[in-house]
C-alpha atoms as a PDB file:
ATOM      1  CA  MET A   1      23.308 -53.936  -0.586  1.00  0.00           C
ATOM      2  CA  ARG A   2      25.261 -57.169  -0.752  1.00  0.00           C
ATOM      3  CA  ARG A   3      24.330 -58.136   2.808  1.00  0.00           C
ATOM      4  CA  ALA A   4      20.625 -57.736   2.134  1.00  0.00           C
ATOM      5  CA  SER A   5      20.770 -59.965  -0.907  1.00  0.00           C
ATOM      6  CA  SER A   6      22.759 -62.667   0.905  1.00  0.00           C
ATOM      7  CA  ALA A   7      20.341 -62.519   3.845  1.00  0.00           C
ATOM      8  CA  ALA A   8      17.427 -62.889   1.457  1.00  0.00           C
ATOM      9  CA  LEU A   9      19.182 -65.820  -0.190  1.00  0.00           C
ATOM     10  CA  ARG A  10      19.772 -67.539   3.163  1.00  0.00           C
ATOM     11  CA  GLN A  11      16.116 -67.004   4.031  1.00  0.00           C
ATOM     12  CA  ARG A  12      14.973 -68.684   0.792  1.00  0.00           C
ATOM     13  CA  LEU A  13      17.277 -71.715   0.946  1.00  0.00           C
ATOM     14  CA  PRO A  14      15.222 -73.899   3.377  1.00  0.00           C
ATOM     15  CA  GLN A  15      12.046 -73.530   1.323  1.00  0.00           C
ATOM     16  CA  GLN A  16      13.975 -73.985  -1.887  1.00  0.00           C
ATOM     17  CA  SER A  17      15.529 -77.267  -0.791  1.00  0.00           C
ATOM     18  CA  LEU A  18      12.304 -78.772   0.625  1.00  0.00           C
ATOM     19  CA  PRO A  19      11.233 -80.446  -2.648  1.00  0.00           C
ATOM     20  CA  LEU A  20      14.651 -82.042  -3.054  1.00  0.00           C
ATOM     21  CA  LYS A  21      14.587 -83.236   0.561  1.00  0.00           C
ATOM     22  CA  ALA A  22      11.131 -84.698  -0.042  1.00  0.00           C
ATOM     23  CA  VAL A  23      12.414 -86.591  -3.079  1.00  0.00           C
ATOM     24  CA  ALA A  24      15.361 -87.868  -1.013  1.00  0.00           C
ATOM     25  CA  VAL A  25      12.970 -89.208   1.645  1.00  0.00           C
ATOM     26  CA  GLN A  26      10.828 -90.716  -1.094  1.00  0.00           C
ATOM     27  CA  CYS A  27      13.932 -92.361  -2.593  1.00  0.00           C
ATOM     28  CA  MET A  28      14.957 -93.852   0.753  1.00  0.00           C
ATOM     29  CA  PHE A  29      11.535 -95.338   1.445  1.00  0.00           C
ATOM     30  CA  GLY A  30      11.242 -96.572  -2.134  1.00  0.00           C
ATOM     31  CA  ALA A  31      14.580 -98.356  -1.837  1.00  0.00           C
ATOM     32  CA  VAL A  32      13.471 -99.953   1.436  1.00  0.00           C
ATOM     33  CA  ILE A  33      10.242-101.148  -0.174  1.00  0.00           C
ATOM     34  CA  ALA A  34      11.987-102.570  -3.243  1.00  0.00           C
ATOM     35  CA  VAL A  35      14.687-104.349  -1.218  1.00  0.00           C
ATOM     36  CA  ALA A  36      12.136-105.721   1.266  1.00  0.00           C
ATOM     37  CA  VAL A  37       9.999-107.151  -1.535  1.00  0.00           C
ATOM     38  CA  LEU A  38      13.106-108.525  -3.252  1.00  0.00           C
ATOM     39  CA  LEU A  39      14.290-110.298  -0.088  1.00  0.00           C
ATOM     40  CA  LEU A  40      10.903-111.437   1.229  1.00  0.00           C
ATOM     41  CA  VAL A  41       9.099-112.498  -1.935  1.00  0.00           C
ATOM     42  CA  SER A  42      11.129-113.051  -5.107  1.00  0.00           C
ATOM     43  CA  ARG A  43      13.376-111.436  -7.671  1.00  0.00           C
ATOM     44  CA  GLU A  44      10.499-110.850 -10.129  1.00  0.00           C
ATOM     45  CA  ALA A  45       8.393-109.212  -7.427  1.00  0.00           C
ATOM     46  CA  GLY A  46      11.375-107.028  -6.459  1.00  0.00           C
ATOM     47  CA  VAL A  47      11.786-105.879 -10.065  1.00  0.00           C
ATOM     48  CA  SER A  48       8.061-105.080 -10.224  1.00  0.00           C
ATOM     49  CA  ALA A  49       8.288-103.109  -6.976  1.00  0.00           C
ATOM     50  CA  LEU A  50      11.369-101.260  -8.212  1.00  0.00           C
ATOM     51  CA  SER A  51       9.484-100.355 -11.392  1.00  0.00           C
ATOM     52  CA  GLY A  52       6.649 -98.926  -9.295  1.00  0.00           C
ATOM     53  CA  VAL A  53       9.087 -96.932  -7.189  1.00  0.00           C
ATOM     54  CA  LEU A  54      10.764 -95.473 -10.279  1.00  0.00           C
ATOM     55  CA  VAL A  55       7.429 -94.542 -11.885  1.00  0.00           C
ATOM     56  CA  SER A  56       6.674 -92.483  -8.775  1.00  0.00           C
ATOM     57  CA  LEU A  57      10.178 -91.219  -8.069  1.00  0.00           C
ATOM     58  CA  LEU A  58      11.392 -89.895 -11.432  1.00  0.00           C
ATOM     59  CA  PRO A  59       8.425 -87.553 -12.098  1.00  0.00           C
ATOM     60  CA  SER A  60       8.696 -86.287  -8.515  1.00  0.00           C
ATOM     61  CA  PHE A  61      12.371 -85.526  -9.055  1.00  0.00           C
ATOM     62  CA  TYR A  62      11.525 -83.735 -12.313  1.00  0.00           C
ATOM     63  CA  PHE A  63       8.960 -81.552 -10.523  1.00  0.00           C
ATOM     64  CA  ALA A  64      11.344 -80.812  -7.619  1.00  0.00           C
ATOM     65  CA  TRP A  65      14.100 -79.853 -10.063  1.00  0.00           C
ATOM     66  CA  ARG A  66      11.724 -77.541 -11.940  1.00  0.00           C
ATOM     67  CA  PHE A  67      10.419 -76.092  -8.650  1.00  0.00           C
ATOM     68  CA  VAL A  68      13.912 -75.158  -7.506  1.00  0.00           C
ATOM     69  CA  ARG A  69      14.519 -73.411 -10.823  1.00  0.00           C
ATOM     70  CA  ILE A  70      11.116 -71.681 -10.740  1.00  0.00           C
ATOM     71  CA  TYR A  71      11.530 -70.550  -7.122  1.00  0.00           C
ATOM     72  CA  ALA A  72      14.247 -68.120  -8.177  1.00  0.00           C
ATOM     73  CA  SER A  73      11.836 -66.352 -10.549  1.00  0.00           C
ATOM     74  CA  ARG A  74      10.975 -62.835  -9.466  1.00  0.00           C
ATOM     75  CA  GLN A  75       7.454 -62.283 -10.850  1.00  0.00           C
ATOM     76  CA  ALA A  76       4.591 -64.124  -9.189  1.00  0.00           C
ATOM     77  CA  SER A  77       2.492 -64.418 -12.339  1.00  0.00           C
ATOM     78  CA  GLU A  78       5.435 -65.919 -14.212  1.00  0.00           C
ATOM     79  CA  SER A  79       6.122 -68.354 -11.369  1.00  0.00           C
ATOM     80  CA  VAL A  80       2.537 -69.606 -11.296  1.00  0.00           C
ATOM     81  CA  GLY A  81       2.547 -70.306 -15.022  1.00  0.00           C
ATOM     82  CA  LEU A  82       5.865 -72.130 -14.773  1.00  0.00           C
ATOM     83  CA  MET A  83       4.581 -74.193 -11.822  1.00  0.00           C
ATOM     84  CA  TYR A  84       1.542 -75.280 -13.842  1.00  0.00           C
ATOM     85  CA  ARG A  85       3.840 -76.285 -16.704  1.00  0.00           C
ATOM     86  CA  ALA A  86       6.038 -78.239 -14.307  1.00  0.00           C
ATOM     87  CA  GLU A  87       2.998 -80.057 -12.916  1.00  0.00           C
ATOM     88  CA  VAL A  88       1.750 -80.878 -16.415  1.00  0.00           C
ATOM     89  CA  GLY A  89       5.234 -82.150 -17.263  1.00  0.00           C
ATOM     90  CA  LYS A  90       5.212 -84.324 -14.153  1.00  0.00           C
ATOM     91  CA  PHE A  91       1.811 -85.750 -15.051  1.00  0.00           C
ATOM     92  CA  GLY A  92       2.882 -86.387 -18.654  1.00  0.00           C
ATOM     93  CA  LEU A  93       6.082 -88.071 -17.502  1.00  0.00           C
ATOM     94  CA  THR A  94       4.096 -90.271 -15.117  1.00  0.00           C
ATOM     95  CA  VAL A  95       1.727 -91.358 -17.892  1.00  0.00           C
ATOM     96  CA  ALA A  96       4.632 -91.995 -20.273  1.00  0.00           C
ATOM     97  CA  MET A  97       6.435 -94.064 -17.658  1.00  0.00           C
ATOM     98  CA  PHE A  98       3.324 -96.135 -16.939  1.00  0.00           C
ATOM     99  CA  ILE A  99       2.992 -96.835 -20.659  1.00  0.00           C
ATOM    100  CA  ALA A 100       6.690 -97.642 -20.998  1.00  0.00           C
ATOM    101  CA  VAL A 101       6.653-100.011 -18.021  1.00  0.00           C
ATOM    102  CA  PHE A 102       3.596-101.919 -19.201  1.00  0.00           C
ATOM    103  CA  VAL A 103       4.785-102.123 -22.834  1.00  0.00           C
ATOM    104  CA  LEU A 104       8.528-102.672 -22.428  1.00  0.00           C
ATOM    105  CA  LEU A 105       8.730-104.457 -19.078  1.00  0.00           C
ATOM    106  CA  PRO A 106       5.349-105.877 -18.086  1.00  0.00           C
ATOM    107  CA  PRO A 107       5.390-106.399 -14.312  1.00  0.00           C
ATOM    108  CA  SER A 108       5.174-110.068 -13.423  1.00  0.00           C
ATOM    109  CA  HIS A 109       3.582-109.090 -10.104  1.00  0.00           C
ATOM    110  CA  PRO A 110       1.271-106.096 -10.743  1.00  0.00           C
ATOM    111  CA  ALA A 111       0.156-106.033  -7.103  1.00  0.00           C
ATOM    112  CA  PHE A 112       3.716-105.270  -5.942  1.00  0.00           C
ATOM    113  CA  PHE A 113       4.135-102.724  -8.740  1.00  0.00           C
ATOM    114  CA  PHE A 114       1.032-100.787  -7.687  1.00  0.00           C
ATOM    115  CA  PHE A 115       1.778-101.209  -3.972  1.00  0.00           C
ATOM    116  CA  ALA A 116       5.255 -99.729  -4.433  1.00  0.00           C
ATOM    117  CA  TYR A 117       3.911 -96.910  -6.622  1.00  0.00           C
ATOM    118  CA  ILE A 118       1.166 -95.952  -4.163  1.00  0.00           C
ATOM    119  CA  ALA A 119       3.414 -96.261  -1.089  1.00  0.00           C
ATOM    120  CA  THR A 120       6.140 -94.122  -2.672  1.00  0.00           C
ATOM    121  CA  THR A 121       3.592 -91.513  -3.733  1.00  0.00           C
ATOM    122  CA  LEU A 122       2.125 -91.407  -0.218  1.00  0.00           C
ATOM    123  CA  VAL A 123       5.605 -90.907   1.221  1.00  0.00           C
ATOM    124  CA  GLN A 124       5.971 -87.908  -1.103  1.00  0.00           C
ATOM    125  CA  TRP A 125       2.801 -86.395   0.324  1.00  0.00           C
ATOM    126  CA  LEU A 126       3.893 -87.109   3.894  1.00  0.00           C
ATOM    127  CA  ALA A 127       7.515 -86.000   3.395  1.00  0.00           C
ATOM    128  CA  PRO A 128       7.177 -82.553   5.046  1.00  0.00           C
ATOM    129  CA  TRP A 129       5.732 -84.175   8.162  1.00  0.00           C
ATOM    130  CA  LEU A 130       8.329 -86.976   8.077  1.00  0.00           C
ATOM    131  CA  LEU A 131      11.167 -84.478   7.701  1.00  0.00           C
ATOM    132  CA  ARG A 132       9.906 -82.429  10.616  1.00  0.00           C
ATOM    133  CA  THR A 133       9.095 -85.237  13.065  1.00  0.00           C
ATOM    134  CA  LEU A 134      11.196 -88.302  12.279  1.00  0.00           C
ATOM    135  CA  PHE A 135      14.384 -86.683  11.067  1.00  0.00           C
ATOM    136  CA  ARG A 136      14.136 -83.465  13.100  1.00  0.00           C
ATOM    137  CA  CYS A 137      15.090 -81.546   9.985  1.00  0.00           C
ATOM    138  CA  ARG A 138      14.393 -77.843   9.637  1.00  0.00           C
ATOM    139  CA  ILE A 139      12.211 -77.370   6.566  1.00  0.00           C
END
């Protein structure tokens, strides 16, 4: 009985870690974007780009963390409901972070803020392909 459960656990680990790997790829590309803007343009533009990266990255990490916890759930109907709640939480966190950034730390270069946000979000969508082709990682 113990072997079957450990084999099932080993079988689930690659799918379970995919969201966290996607967030890691997103973090790497976001850091590259923020540092490139910082070095090529100015400090204020780099801070704006870093703000955009964080607005995309933190809700993605929240969803990945919730997904890993939900993946262990045994009932499919329960898992679907928890996934919807995680997605709503991610959306709410994104909206709250947009509000916080524009109220507390207005970006001096909104174009770099939105560029970094959109680029980091696109990397999240392309992460499974990037993991498979560029990094030759088993997903």
